[in-house]
Protein backbone atom coordinates (compact mmCIF):
# COMPACT_ATOMS: atom_id res chain seq x y z
CA MET A 1 143.48 98.75 93.19
CA GLN A 2 146.55 100.82 93.96
CA ILE A 3 149.81 99.38 95.21
CA SER A 4 150.30 99.45 98.97
CA ILE A 5 153.16 98.05 101.02
CA GLY A 6 153.65 96.88 104.56
CA THR A 7 155.68 94.55 106.73
CA ASP A 8 154.31 91.04 106.85
CA ASN A 9 157.55 89.07 106.90
CA ILE A 10 157.97 88.71 110.66
CA MET A 11 159.09 85.07 110.44
CA ALA A 12 162.20 85.92 108.38
CA ASN A 13 162.95 89.50 109.44
CA SER A 14 161.96 92.00 112.06
CA PRO A 15 159.26 94.25 110.61
CA ASP A 16 160.63 97.68 109.76
CA LEU A 17 158.58 99.78 107.38
CA PHE A 18 161.40 102.26 106.90
CA GLU A 19 163.71 99.46 105.72
CA GLU A 20 161.02 98.29 103.27
CA LEU A 21 160.71 101.81 101.87
CA ARG A 22 164.49 102.21 101.59
CA TYR A 23 164.85 98.85 99.83
CA LEU A 24 162.11 99.56 97.27
CA TYR A 25 163.47 103.04 96.59
CA ARG A 26 166.97 101.74 95.94
CA ILE A 27 166.07 98.54 94.08
CA SER A 28 163.91 100.49 91.62
CA ARG A 29 167.04 102.40 90.61
CA VAL A 30 169.04 99.22 90.07
CA ILE A 31 166.45 97.17 88.18
CA ASP A 32 165.10 99.71 85.69
CA ASN A 33 166.20 103.33 85.64
CA GLN A 34 163.17 104.14 83.44
CA GLN A 35 160.68 102.88 86.08
CA LEU A 36 161.94 104.68 89.19
CA ILE A 37 159.70 104.58 92.24
CA GLU A 38 159.69 108.09 93.65
CA ALA A 39 159.92 108.65 97.40
CA LYS A 40 156.59 110.50 97.52
CA SER A 41 154.89 107.55 95.79
CA LEU A 42 156.36 105.14 98.36
CA LEU A 43 154.99 107.24 101.21
CA LYS A 44 151.58 107.20 99.53
CA MET A 45 151.80 103.39 99.34
CA ILE A 46 151.99 103.12 103.15
CA THR A 47 149.34 105.76 103.84
CA ILE A 48 146.69 106.78 101.32
CA ASN A 49 146.94 103.72 99.05
CA ALA A 50 146.87 101.27 101.96
CA ALA A 51 143.77 102.95 103.40
CA LYS A 52 142.03 102.78 100.01
CA ASN A 53 142.91 99.12 99.49
CA PHE A 54 141.33 98.24 102.83
CA GLU A 55 138.38 100.58 102.17
CA LEU A 56 139.35 102.73 105.16
CA GLU A 57 140.11 105.97 103.30
CA ASN A 58 137.21 107.77 105.01
CA ASP A 59 138.82 107.17 108.42
CA ILE A 60 142.60 106.95 107.90
CA GLY A 61 145.38 107.36 105.34
CA SER A 62 145.67 111.14 105.22
CA ILE A 63 145.35 114.12 107.48
CA LYS A 64 141.90 115.64 107.12
CA LYS A 65 139.18 116.94 109.41
CA GLY A 66 136.96 114.06 110.55
CA LYS A 67 139.60 111.36 110.10
CA TYR A 68 141.40 109.60 112.93
CA ALA A 69 144.57 111.35 113.97
CA ASN A 70 147.00 108.48 113.32
CA PHE A 71 150.54 109.64 112.59
CA ILE A 72 154.13 109.76 113.77
CA THR A 73 156.41 112.70 114.30
CA ILE A 74 160.09 112.42 113.49
CA ASN A 75 163.06 114.52 114.48
CA LEU A 76 164.49 116.06 111.31
CA ASN A 77 167.26 117.59 113.45
CA ASP A 78 168.82 114.16 114.07
CA PRO A 79 172.29 113.83 112.47
CA ASN A 80 171.19 111.18 109.95
CA PHE A 81 168.90 113.78 108.31
CA TYR A 82 171.58 116.44 107.87
CA VAL A 83 171.65 117.91 104.36
CA HIS A 84 172.95 121.34 103.45
CA PRO A 85 171.06 123.09 102.12
CA LEU A 86 167.78 121.29 102.75
CA GLU A 87 165.49 121.89 99.81
CA ILE A 88 161.76 121.33 100.36
CA GLN A 89 161.50 119.06 97.29
CA ASP A 90 164.05 116.71 98.91
CA ILE A 91 162.02 116.08 102.08
CA TYR A 92 160.27 112.92 100.79
CA ARG A 93 163.52 111.40 99.58
CA LEU A 94 165.20 112.28 102.87
CA ILE A 95 162.46 110.63 104.92
CA VAL A 96 162.42 107.47 102.78
CA GLN A 97 166.19 107.03 102.65
CA ARG A 98 167.25 108.03 106.15
CA THR A 99 164.47 107.47 108.69
CA LYS A 100 165.09 104.91 111.40
CA SER A 101 162.72 103.89 114.15
CA SER A 102 164.98 105.75 116.57
CA ASN A 103 163.98 109.01 114.82
CA ILE A 104 160.35 108.63 115.87
CA LEU A 105 159.52 111.15 118.58
CA LYS A 106 155.82 110.36 118.99
CA THR A 107 153.21 107.96 117.73
CA ILE A 108 149.67 109.31 117.74
CA TYR A 109 146.83 106.79 117.39
CA ARG A 110 143.23 107.98 117.25
CA GLY A 111 144.35 111.34 118.59
CA LYS A 112 146.16 109.96 121.65
CA VAL A 113 149.89 109.71 122.22
CA VAL A 114 150.66 106.00 122.48
CA PHE A 115 154.45 106.36 122.29
CA GLU A 116 156.74 109.19 123.21
CA ARG A 117 160.52 109.14 123.20
CA ASN A 118 162.14 110.88 126.18
């Protein structure tokens, strides 16, 4: 089984997957600099790995023909994402460290827009 993460602590905190990602990314650098959790690995933990752990990888977890279209779009032009110059290899780290729920433009679930920010 691969590691997957989520937000199941609603009694103590408001669930915020982006905060969970940010925390794990940063704490891995404090605890053991030899065992860093990379941003791309964290994103896999909330997508591909989670789908595999629930035996849903044939339907969700990645973007592929025949799978449900479940994804969000974010606005990388928002000020909190500003980096000059933006290097493609930094995109995962940027998403993990700086994304807030207010950056979500759309949520697509099973191919239908279920949330859209005006």
